[in-house]
Amino acid sequence: MCEAEKKDLYAVLGASPSDSVQQLRHRYQQLALQYHPDRLRGECPTEAESGLEKFLEVDAVWRILSDQNSRRQYDLQRRAQELKQDWPVDSTVYLEDMTWDKDEGVYSYCCRCGGGFSVSEEEVEEETQRRQHDDEEEETVEGQHRGVVVCCDTCSLSVYVTWSRHQQTPTLKCL
């Protein structure tokens, strides 16, 4: 269930945690028919392969959410993860999707209120060094991400800005 901790299983089915088992079954059946390997047999190989991956993902999610005990356990883990957050986070933003301002030395991203989220190069470097120090002390999983919570300069929304552990800090985008 390691993978389940990282991914919102309800989102995979396009469902909500408040949906009944019947509603989840209906979404599962729709997606299983849509991505079933027999239906995608005539498609190009890459589409068939991605369809098969999606089918297997949907099937694995259904196995967890269809069983009352495993669904309850997943919901408890999901809730515990939400409660562990230090800050209510509206969404996740990847550093490479932010705009780099060379003159100011900050990455910025527009908020839906019209304000903006910004994180300085120093903050990114500090977090990168802190995580690298933590990595030396503990074994870490390949592909793990690092990040910081950033608040909007106008409203109360916040985002989690993240980037890959093994990725160099991007500085390609300029204003």
N, C-alpha and C. Protein backbone atom coordinates (compact mmCIF):
# COMPACT_ATOMS: atom_id res chain seq x y z
N MET A 1 0.82 -1.20 0.00
CA MET A 1 0.00 0.00 0.00
C MET A 1 0.86 1.26 0.00
N CYS A 2 2.13 1.11 -0.27
CA CYS A 2 3.06 2.22 -0.33
C CYS A 2 2.66 3.23 -1.41
N GLU A 3 2.31 2.72 -2.57
CA GLU A 3 1.92 3.56 -3.69
C GLU A 3 0.64 4.32 -3.35
N ALA A 4 -0.25 3.68 -2.59
CA ALA A 4 -1.53 4.30 -2.23
C ALA A 4 -1.34 5.53 -1.37
N GLU A 5 -0.27 5.56 -0.58
CA GLU A 5 -0.03 6.71 0.28
C GLU A 5 0.30 7.95 -0.54
N LYS A 6 0.89 7.78 -1.70
CA LYS A 6 1.32 8.90 -2.52
C LYS A 6 0.21 9.41 -3.43
N LYS A 7 -0.70 8.55 -3.84
CA LYS A 7 -1.70 8.88 -4.83
C LYS A 7 -3.09 8.89 -4.19
N ASP A 8 -3.92 9.84 -4.59
CA ASP A 8 -5.30 9.87 -4.11
C ASP A 8 -6.09 8.84 -4.90
N LEU A 9 -6.46 7.76 -4.25
CA LEU A 9 -7.14 6.67 -4.92
C LEU A 9 -8.51 7.09 -5.45
N TYR A 10 -9.16 7.98 -4.74
CA TYR A 10 -10.47 8.45 -5.21
C TYR A 10 -10.32 9.24 -6.51
N ALA A 11 -9.25 10.01 -6.61
CA ALA A 11 -9.02 10.79 -7.84
C ALA A 11 -8.76 9.88 -9.03
N VAL A 12 -8.12 8.73 -8.81
CA VAL A 12 -7.87 7.79 -9.90
C VAL A 12 -9.18 7.34 -10.51
N LEU A 13 -10.19 7.12 -9.66
CA LEU A 13 -11.51 6.71 -10.15
C LEU A 13 -12.38 7.90 -10.55
N GLY A 14 -11.91 9.10 -10.28
CA GLY A 14 -12.72 10.29 -10.56
C GLY A 14 -13.90 10.36 -9.61
N ALA A 15 -13.66 9.94 -8.37
CA ALA A 15 -14.72 9.85 -7.37
C ALA A 15 -14.37 10.72 -6.16
N SER A 16 -15.26 10.69 -5.21
CA SER A 16 -15.09 11.45 -3.98
C SER A 16 -15.07 10.48 -2.79
N PRO A 17 -14.38 10.82 -1.71
CA PRO A 17 -14.38 9.95 -0.53
C PRO A 17 -15.77 9.72 0.05
N SER A 18 -16.70 10.61 -0.23
CA SER A 18 -18.06 10.44 0.29
C SER A 18 -18.93 9.55 -0.59
N ASP A 19 -18.42 9.11 -1.74
CA ASP A 19 -19.19 8.25 -2.64
C ASP A 19 -19.42 6.88 -2.01
N SER A 20 -20.58 6.32 -2.32
CA SER A 20 -20.91 4.99 -1.83
C SER A 20 -20.14 3.93 -2.62
N VAL A 21 -20.16 2.71 -2.13
CA VAL A 21 -19.50 1.61 -2.83
C VAL A 21 -20.13 1.42 -4.21
N GLN A 22 -21.45 1.60 -4.32
CA GLN A 22 -22.12 1.47 -5.62
C GLN A 22 -21.63 2.53 -6.60
N GLN A 23 -21.45 3.76 -6.12
CA GLN A 23 -20.95 4.82 -6.99
C GLN A 23 -19.51 4.54 -7.42
N LEU A 24 -18.71 4.05 -6.48
CA LEU A 24 -17.33 3.69 -6.81
C LEU A 24 -17.29 2.55 -7.82
N ARG A 25 -18.17 1.57 -7.64
CA ARG A 25 -18.24 0.43 -8.56
C ARG A 25 -18.60 0.92 -9.97
N HIS A 26 -19.55 1.85 -10.03
CA HIS A 26 -19.96 2.39 -11.32
C HIS A 26 -18.79 3.08 -12.02
N ARG A 27 -18.02 3.92 -11.28
CA ARG A 27 -16.85 4.60 -11.86
C ARG A 27 -15.80 3.58 -12.28
N TYR A 28 -15.58 2.58 -11.44
CA TYR A 28 -14.60 1.53 -11.77
C TYR A 28 -15.00 0.82 -13.06
N GLN A 29 -16.27 0.44 -13.17
CA GLN A 29 -16.72 -0.28 -14.36
C GLN A 29 -16.57 0.56 -15.62
N GLN A 30 -16.89 1.85 -15.52
CA GLN A 30 -16.73 2.74 -16.67
C GLN A 30 -15.27 2.81 -17.11
N LEU A 31 -14.37 3.00 -16.15
CA LEU A 31 -12.96 3.11 -16.48
C LEU A 31 -12.37 1.78 -16.93
N ALA A 32 -12.80 0.69 -16.33
CA ALA A 32 -12.31 -0.63 -16.72
C ALA A 32 -12.71 -0.93 -18.17
N LEU A 33 -13.92 -0.57 -18.54
CA LEU A 33 -14.34 -0.76 -19.94
C LEU A 33 -13.55 0.15 -20.88
N GLN A 34 -13.35 1.37 -20.46
CA GLN A 34 -12.64 2.34 -21.30
C GLN A 34 -11.19 1.92 -21.56
N TYR A 35 -10.52 1.40 -20.54
CA TYR A 35 -9.10 1.08 -20.66
C TYR A 35 -8.80 -0.41 -20.77
N HIS A 36 -9.82 -1.23 -20.94
CA HIS A 36 -9.59 -2.68 -21.00
C HIS A 36 -8.67 -3.02 -22.18
N PRO A 37 -7.69 -3.89 -21.96
CA PRO A 37 -6.73 -4.23 -23.03
C PRO A 37 -7.39 -4.79 -24.30
N ASP A 38 -8.49 -5.52 -24.18
CA ASP A 38 -9.16 -6.05 -25.36
C ASP A 38 -9.75 -4.94 -26.22
N ARG A 39 -10.17 -3.86 -25.60
CA ARG A 39 -10.72 -2.73 -26.35
C ARG A 39 -9.64 -1.93 -27.06
N LEU A 40 -8.44 -1.93 -26.49
CA LEU A 40 -7.36 -1.12 -27.04
C LEU A 40 -6.42 -1.92 -27.93
N ARG A 41 -6.79 -3.12 -28.25
CA ARG A 41 -5.92 -4.00 -29.03
C ARG A 41 -5.57 -3.41 -30.39
N GLY A 42 -6.49 -2.72 -31.04
CA GLY A 42 -6.24 -2.17 -32.37
C GLY A 42 -5.52 -0.83 -32.36
N GLU A 43 -5.35 -0.23 -31.18
CA GLU A 43 -4.70 1.07 -31.07
C GLU A 43 -3.19 0.93 -31.29
N CYS A 44 -2.53 2.07 -31.41
CA CYS A 44 -1.07 2.03 -31.56
C CYS A 44 -0.45 1.49 -30.28
N PRO A 45 0.72 0.91 -30.36
CA PRO A 45 1.33 0.24 -29.20
C PRO A 45 1.50 1.13 -27.96
N THR A 46 1.85 2.38 -28.15
CA THR A 46 2.04 3.25 -26.98
C THR A 46 0.71 3.55 -26.30
N GLU A 47 -0.35 3.75 -27.08
CA GLU A 47 -1.67 3.98 -26.49
C GLU A 47 -2.16 2.73 -25.79
N ALA A 48 -1.94 1.59 -26.39
CA ALA A 48 -2.35 0.33 -25.78
C ALA A 48 -1.59 0.09 -24.48
N GLU A 49 -0.31 0.42 -24.47
CA GLU A 49 0.50 0.23 -23.26
C GLU A 49 0.06 1.17 -22.15
N SER A 50 -0.16 2.44 -22.48
CA SER A 50 -0.61 3.39 -21.46
C SER A 50 -2.02 3.04 -20.99
N GLY A 51 -2.86 2.53 -21.90
CA GLY A 51 -4.19 2.08 -21.51
C GLY A 51 -4.13 0.90 -20.57
N LEU A 52 -3.20 -0.03 -20.82
CA LEU A 52 -3.02 -1.18 -19.94
C LEU A 52 -2.56 -0.73 -18.56
N GLU A 53 -1.62 0.22 -18.50
CA GLU A 53 -1.16 0.75 -17.22
C GLU A 53 -2.31 1.39 -16.45
N LYS A 54 -3.12 2.17 -17.15
CA LYS A 54 -4.27 2.82 -16.52
C LYS A 54 -5.27 1.78 -16.03
N PHE A 55 -5.51 0.74 -16.85
CA PHE A 55 -6.41 -0.33 -16.47
C PHE A 55 -5.91 -1.01 -15.19
N LEU A 56 -4.62 -1.32 -15.13
CA LEU A 56 -4.06 -1.97 -13.94
C LEU A 56 -4.14 -1.06 -12.72
N GLU A 57 -3.92 0.23 -12.92
CA GLU A 57 -4.01 1.18 -11.82
C GLU A 57 -5.45 1.25 -11.29
N VAL A 58 -6.40 1.35 -12.20
CA VAL A 58 -7.82 1.41 -11.80
C VAL A 58 -8.22 0.13 -11.07
N ASP A 59 -7.76 -1.01 -11.57
CA ASP A 59 -8.07 -2.29 -10.94
C ASP A 59 -7.48 -2.37 -9.53
N ALA A 60 -6.23 -1.92 -9.36
CA ALA A 60 -5.59 -1.94 -8.04
C ALA A 60 -6.33 -1.03 -7.06
N VAL A 61 -6.75 0.14 -7.54
CA VAL A 61 -7.51 1.07 -6.70
C VAL A 61 -8.84 0.45 -6.29
N TRP A 62 -9.52 -0.19 -7.24
CA TRP A 62 -10.80 -0.82 -6.95
C TRP A 62 -10.64 -1.92 -5.89
N ARG A 63 -9.56 -2.67 -5.96
CA ARG A 63 -9.32 -3.73 -4.97
C ARG A 63 -9.24 -3.17 -3.56
N ILE A 64 -8.67 -1.98 -3.43
CA ILE A 64 -8.55 -1.36 -2.11
C ILE A 64 -9.88 -0.75 -1.68
N LEU A 65 -10.52 0.02 -2.57
CA LEU A 65 -11.72 0.76 -2.19
C LEU A 65 -12.99 -0.09 -2.15
N SER A 66 -12.97 -1.25 -2.79
CA SER A 66 -14.17 -2.09 -2.78
C SER A 66 -14.30 -2.88 -1.48
N ASP A 67 -13.20 -3.13 -0.82
CA ASP A 67 -13.22 -3.85 0.45
C ASP A 67 -13.41 -2.87 1.59
N GLN A 68 -14.41 -3.10 2.43
CA GLN A 68 -14.76 -2.16 3.49
C GLN A 68 -13.59 -1.93 4.44
N ASN A 69 -12.89 -2.98 4.82
CA ASN A 69 -11.78 -2.83 5.78
C ASN A 69 -10.59 -2.08 5.17
N SER A 70 -10.21 -2.43 3.94
CA SER A 70 -9.07 -1.75 3.33
C SER A 70 -9.42 -0.30 3.00
N ARG A 71 -10.68 -0.04 2.64
CA ARG A 71 -11.09 1.34 2.37
C ARG A 71 -11.03 2.16 3.67
N ARG A 72 -11.50 1.59 4.75
CA ARG A 72 -11.48 2.28 6.04
C ARG A 72 -10.02 2.58 6.43
N GLN A 73 -9.14 1.60 6.23
CA GLN A 73 -7.73 1.80 6.55
C GLN A 73 -7.11 2.89 5.67
N TYR A 74 -7.43 2.86 4.38
CA TYR A 74 -6.92 3.90 3.48
C TYR A 74 -7.44 5.27 3.90
N ASP A 75 -8.73 5.37 4.21
CA ASP A 75 -9.31 6.65 4.62
C ASP A 75 -8.65 7.17 5.90
N LEU A 76 -8.34 6.28 6.82
CA LEU A 76 -7.66 6.69 8.05
C LEU A 76 -6.24 7.19 7.76
N GLN A 77 -5.53 6.49 6.89
CA GLN A 77 -4.18 6.94 6.51
C GLN A 77 -4.24 8.29 5.80
N ARG A 78 -5.22 8.44 4.95
CA ARG A 78 -5.40 9.68 4.19
C ARG A 78 -5.68 10.84 5.14
N ARG A 79 -6.55 10.60 6.09
CA ARG A 79 -6.90 11.64 7.07
C ARG A 79 -5.71 11.97 7.96
N ALA A 80 -4.97 10.95 8.38
CA ALA A 80 -3.78 11.18 9.20
C ALA A 80 -2.76 12.03 8.45
N GLN A 81 -2.60 11.77 7.17
CA GLN A 81 -1.67 12.54 6.35
C GLN A 81 -2.13 14.00 6.25
N GLU A 82 -3.42 14.21 6.10
CA GLU A 82 -3.95 15.57 6.04
C GLU A 82 -3.70 16.31 7.35
N LEU A 83 -3.85 15.60 8.47
CA LEU A 83 -3.66 16.22 9.78
C LEU A 83 -2.19 16.51 10.07
N LYS A 84 -1.28 15.78 9.44
CA LYS A 84 0.15 15.98 9.66
C LYS A 84 0.66 17.25 9.00
N GLN A 85 -0.04 17.73 7.99
CA GLN A 85 0.41 18.92 7.29
C GLN A 85 0.49 20.08 8.26
N ASP A 86 1.59 20.82 8.17
CA ASP A 86 1.77 21.98 9.04
C ASP A 86 0.87 23.13 8.61
N TRP A 87 0.45 23.12 7.37
CA TRP A 87 -0.22 24.25 6.77
C TRP A 87 -1.26 23.72 5.79
N PRO A 88 -2.43 24.34 5.71
CA PRO A 88 -3.38 23.91 4.68
C PRO A 88 -2.85 24.31 3.31
N VAL A 89 -2.64 23.33 2.46
CA VAL A 89 -2.05 23.58 1.14
C VAL A 89 -3.14 23.47 0.09
N ASP A 90 -3.26 24.52 -0.74
CA ASP A 90 -4.28 24.54 -1.78
C ASP A 90 -3.92 23.63 -2.94
N SER A 91 -2.65 23.60 -3.33
CA SER A 91 -2.22 22.75 -4.44
C SER A 91 -0.71 22.59 -4.42
N THR A 92 -0.23 21.75 -5.32
CA THR A 92 1.20 21.53 -5.47
C THR A 92 1.65 22.17 -6.78
N VAL A 93 2.74 22.89 -6.73
CA VAL A 93 3.30 23.56 -7.90
C VAL A 93 4.73 23.06 -8.05
N TYR A 94 5.09 22.69 -9.26
CA TYR A 94 6.46 22.26 -9.53
C TYR A 94 7.32 23.47 -9.84
N LEU A 95 8.51 23.48 -9.28
CA LEU A 95 9.41 24.61 -9.45
C LEU A 95 9.65 24.93 -10.93
N GLU A 96 9.74 23.88 -11.75
CA GLU A 96 9.97 24.11 -13.18
C GLU A 96 8.78 24.78 -13.87
N ASP A 97 7.60 24.79 -13.23
CA ASP A 97 6.44 25.48 -13.78
C ASP A 97 6.37 26.94 -13.35
N MET A 98 7.24 27.32 -12.43
CA MET A 98 7.27 28.70 -11.97
C MET A 98 8.15 29.53 -12.91
N THR A 99 7.96 30.83 -12.88
CA THR A 99 8.74 31.73 -13.72
C THR A 99 9.95 32.23 -12.93
N TRP A 100 11.11 32.15 -13.54
CA TRP A 100 12.35 32.60 -12.91
C TRP A 100 12.61 34.06 -13.28
N ASP A 101 12.77 34.89 -12.27
CA ASP A 101 13.11 36.30 -12.48
C ASP A 101 14.58 36.48 -12.09
N LYS A 102 15.43 36.62 -13.10
CA LYS A 102 16.88 36.69 -12.88
C LYS A 102 17.25 37.93 -12.06
N ASP A 103 16.60 39.08 -12.33
CA ASP A 103 16.94 40.32 -11.63
C ASP A 103 16.60 40.24 -10.14
N GLU A 104 15.44 39.69 -9.82
CA GLU A 104 15.00 39.60 -8.42
C GLU A 104 15.58 38.37 -7.71
N GLY A 105 15.95 37.35 -8.48
CA GLY A 105 16.46 36.11 -7.89
C GLY A 105 15.38 35.28 -7.23
N VAL A 106 14.15 35.32 -7.82
CA VAL A 106 13.03 34.58 -7.25
C VAL A 106 12.27 33.81 -8.33
N TYR A 107 11.63 32.74 -7.90
CA TYR A 107 10.69 32.01 -8.74
C TYR A 107 9.31 32.53 -8.36
N SER A 108 8.45 32.75 -9.34
CA SER A 108 7.12 33.26 -9.02
C SER A 108 6.06 32.46 -9.77
N TYR A 109 4.85 32.48 -9.21
CA TYR A 109 3.71 31.76 -9.77
C TYR A 109 2.47 32.55 -9.41
N CYS A 110 1.56 32.74 -10.37
CA CYS A 110 0.36 33.54 -10.15
C CYS A 110 -0.69 32.78 -9.36
N CYS A 111 -1.29 33.47 -8.42
CA CYS A 111 -2.39 32.92 -7.62
C CYS A 111 -3.70 33.25 -8.31
N ARG A 112 -4.73 32.47 -8.02
CA ARG A 112 -6.02 32.72 -8.66
C ARG A 112 -6.66 34.02 -8.20
N CYS A 113 -6.19 34.59 -7.07
CA CYS A 113 -6.73 35.85 -6.59
C CYS A 113 -6.12 37.05 -7.31
N GLY A 114 -5.07 36.81 -8.09
CA GLY A 114 -4.37 37.89 -8.77
C GLY A 114 -3.04 38.21 -8.11
N GLY A 115 -2.85 37.71 -6.91
CA GLY A 115 -1.57 37.89 -6.22
C GLY A 115 -0.56 36.89 -6.76
N GLY A 116 0.44 36.60 -5.95
CA GLY A 116 1.45 35.67 -6.43
C GLY A 116 2.15 34.93 -5.31
N PHE A 117 2.72 33.82 -5.68
CA PHE A 117 3.55 33.02 -4.79
C PHE A 117 4.99 33.24 -5.26
N SER A 118 5.89 33.45 -4.34
CA SER A 118 7.28 33.59 -4.75
C SER A 118 8.18 32.90 -3.75
N VAL A 119 9.25 32.32 -4.28
CA VAL A 119 10.24 31.65 -3.45
C VAL A 119 11.60 32.06 -3.98
N SER A 120 12.47 32.47 -3.08
CA SER A 120 13.78 32.95 -3.49
C SER A 120 14.72 31.79 -3.79
N GLU A 121 15.74 32.10 -4.56
CA GLU A 121 16.75 31.10 -4.89
C GLU A 121 17.44 30.61 -3.61
N GLU A 122 17.61 31.51 -2.64
CA GLU A 122 18.24 31.15 -1.37
C GLU A 122 17.39 30.11 -0.63
N GLU A 123 16.06 30.32 -0.62
CA GLU A 123 15.18 29.36 0.05
C GLU A 123 15.27 27.98 -0.61
N VAL A 124 15.31 27.97 -1.93
CA VAL A 124 15.41 26.72 -2.67
C VAL A 124 16.72 26.02 -2.34
N GLU A 125 17.82 26.79 -2.33
CA GLU A 125 19.13 26.21 -2.03
C GLU A 125 19.21 25.71 -0.59
N GLU A 126 18.66 26.49 0.35
CA GLU A 126 18.66 26.06 1.76
C GLU A 126 17.91 24.75 1.93
N GLU A 127 16.73 24.65 1.32
CA GLU A 127 15.93 23.42 1.43
C GLU A 127 16.65 22.26 0.76
N THR A 128 17.29 22.52 -0.36
CA THR A 128 18.04 21.48 -1.06
C THR A 128 19.18 20.97 -0.19
N GLN A 129 19.93 21.88 0.41
CA GLN A 129 21.04 21.48 1.28
C GLN A 129 20.54 20.75 2.52
N ARG A 130 19.45 21.23 3.11
CA ARG A 130 18.90 20.58 4.30
C ARG A 130 18.48 19.16 3.97
N ARG A 131 17.81 18.98 2.83
CA ARG A 131 17.38 17.64 2.42
C ARG A 131 18.56 16.74 2.11
N GLN A 132 19.60 17.29 1.49
CA GLN A 132 20.78 16.49 1.19
C GLN A 132 21.45 16.03 2.48
N HIS A 133 21.47 16.91 3.49
CA HIS A 133 22.02 16.54 4.79
C HIS A 133 21.18 15.42 5.42
N ASP A 134 19.85 15.56 5.33
CA ASP A 134 18.95 14.51 5.85
C ASP A 134 19.15 13.20 5.10
N ASP A 135 19.39 13.30 3.78
CA ASP A 135 19.58 12.11 2.95
C ASP A 135 20.82 11.34 3.37
N GLU A 136 21.86 12.06 3.78
CA GLU A 136 23.09 11.39 4.20
C GLU A 136 22.88 10.60 5.48
N GLU A 137 21.96 11.06 6.33
CA GLU A 137 21.71 10.39 7.59
C GLU A 137 20.75 9.22 7.46
N GLU A 138 19.87 9.26 6.48
CA GLU A 138 18.86 8.22 6.29
C GLU A 138 18.89 7.74 4.86
N GLU A 139 18.40 6.50 4.67
CA GLU A 139 18.23 6.01 3.31
C GLU A 139 16.99 6.66 2.74
N THR A 140 17.06 7.07 1.49
CA THR A 140 15.91 7.71 0.86
C THR A 140 15.52 6.95 -0.39
N VAL A 141 14.29 7.19 -0.81
CA VAL A 141 13.75 6.53 -1.98
C VAL A 141 14.12 7.31 -3.23
N GLU A 142 14.51 6.60 -4.27
CA GLU A 142 14.85 7.23 -5.55
C GLU A 142 13.64 8.00 -6.07
N GLY A 143 13.86 9.22 -6.60
CA GLY A 143 12.77 10.00 -7.18
C GLY A 143 12.01 10.82 -6.15
N GLN A 144 12.49 10.82 -4.91
CA GLN A 144 11.81 11.57 -3.86
C GLN A 144 11.88 13.06 -4.19
N HIS A 145 10.87 13.80 -3.77
CA HIS A 145 10.83 15.23 -4.05
C HIS A 145 11.12 16.01 -2.78
N ARG A 146 11.58 17.22 -2.97
CA ARG A 146 11.79 18.15 -1.87
C ARG A 146 10.92 19.36 -2.14
N GLY A 147 10.64 20.16 -1.13
CA GLY A 147 9.80 21.30 -1.39
C GLY A 147 9.58 22.18 -0.18
N VAL A 148 8.86 23.28 -0.40
CA VAL A 148 8.55 24.25 0.64
C VAL A 148 7.10 24.71 0.46
N VAL A 149 6.49 25.12 1.56
CA VAL A 149 5.15 25.71 1.51
C VAL A 149 5.32 27.21 1.34
N VAL A 150 4.59 27.79 0.37
CA VAL A 150 4.70 29.21 0.07
C VAL A 150 3.30 29.82 0.12
N CYS A 151 3.18 30.96 0.80
CA CYS A 151 1.89 31.65 0.93
C CYS A 151 1.77 32.73 -0.15
N CYS A 152 0.53 32.96 -0.56
CA CYS A 152 0.24 34.02 -1.52
C CYS A 152 0.51 35.37 -0.85
N ASP A 153 0.99 36.33 -1.64
CA ASP A 153 1.29 37.65 -1.07
C ASP A 153 0.03 38.52 -0.93
N THR A 154 -1.13 38.01 -1.39
CA THR A 154 -2.36 38.79 -1.31
C THR A 154 -3.45 38.12 -0.48
N CYS A 155 -3.66 36.81 -0.69
CA CYS A 155 -4.74 36.12 0.01
C CYS A 155 -4.18 35.05 0.96
N SER A 156 -5.04 34.20 1.49
CA SER A 156 -4.62 33.21 2.48
C SER A 156 -4.27 31.85 1.89
N LEU A 157 -4.25 31.73 0.57
CA LEU A 157 -3.92 30.45 -0.04
C LEU A 157 -2.43 30.16 0.06
N SER A 158 -2.11 28.87 0.08
CA SER A 158 -0.71 28.48 0.07
C SER A 158 -0.54 27.29 -0.85
N VAL A 159 0.66 27.16 -1.40
CA VAL A 159 0.97 26.04 -2.29
C VAL A 159 2.24 25.36 -1.79
N TYR A 160 2.36 24.10 -2.14
CA TYR A 160 3.57 23.35 -1.86
C TYR A 160 4.40 23.37 -3.13
N VAL A 161 5.54 24.05 -3.10
CA VAL A 161 6.43 24.12 -4.25
C VAL A 161 7.42 22.97 -4.11
N THR A 162 7.48 22.13 -5.14
CA THR A 162 8.31 20.94 -5.06
C THR A 162 9.20 20.79 -6.28
N TRP A 163 10.27 20.05 -6.12
CA TRP A 163 11.18 19.72 -7.21
C TRP A 163 11.86 18.41 -6.87
N SER A 164 12.34 17.73 -7.87
CA SER A 164 12.96 16.43 -7.70
C SER A 164 14.27 16.55 -6.94
N ARG A 165 14.57 15.56 -6.11
CA ARG A 165 15.82 15.53 -5.35
C ARG A 165 17.03 15.58 -6.26
N HIS A 166 16.97 14.86 -7.38
CA HIS A 166 18.14 14.71 -8.23
C HIS A 166 18.17 15.69 -9.38
N GLN A 167 17.26 16.64 -9.37
CA GLN A 167 17.17 17.61 -10.46
C GLN A 167 17.90 18.87 -10.06
N GLN A 168 18.63 19.44 -10.98
CA GLN A 168 19.28 20.71 -10.72
C GLN A 168 18.21 21.78 -10.68
N THR A 169 18.44 22.83 -9.89
CA THR A 169 17.49 23.91 -9.80
C THR A 169 17.35 24.58 -11.16
N PRO A 170 16.11 24.62 -11.71
CA PRO A 170 15.95 25.21 -13.04
C PRO A 170 16.07 26.72 -13.01
N THR A 171 16.78 27.27 -13.99
CA THR A 171 16.87 28.72 -14.11
C THR A 171 16.69 29.13 -15.57
N LEU A 172 15.91 28.34 -16.30
CA LEU A 172 15.78 28.58 -17.72
C LEU A 172 14.75 29.66 -18.07
N LYS A 173 13.67 29.74 -17.32
CA LYS A 173 12.60 30.67 -17.65
C LYS A 173 12.93 32.05 -17.12
N CYS A 174 12.79 33.04 -17.94
CA CYS A 174 13.05 34.43 -17.53
C CYS A 174 11.83 35.29 -17.84
N LEU A 175 11.61 36.30 -17.02
CA LEU A 175 10.51 37.25 -17.26
C LEU A 175 10.87 38.21 -18.36
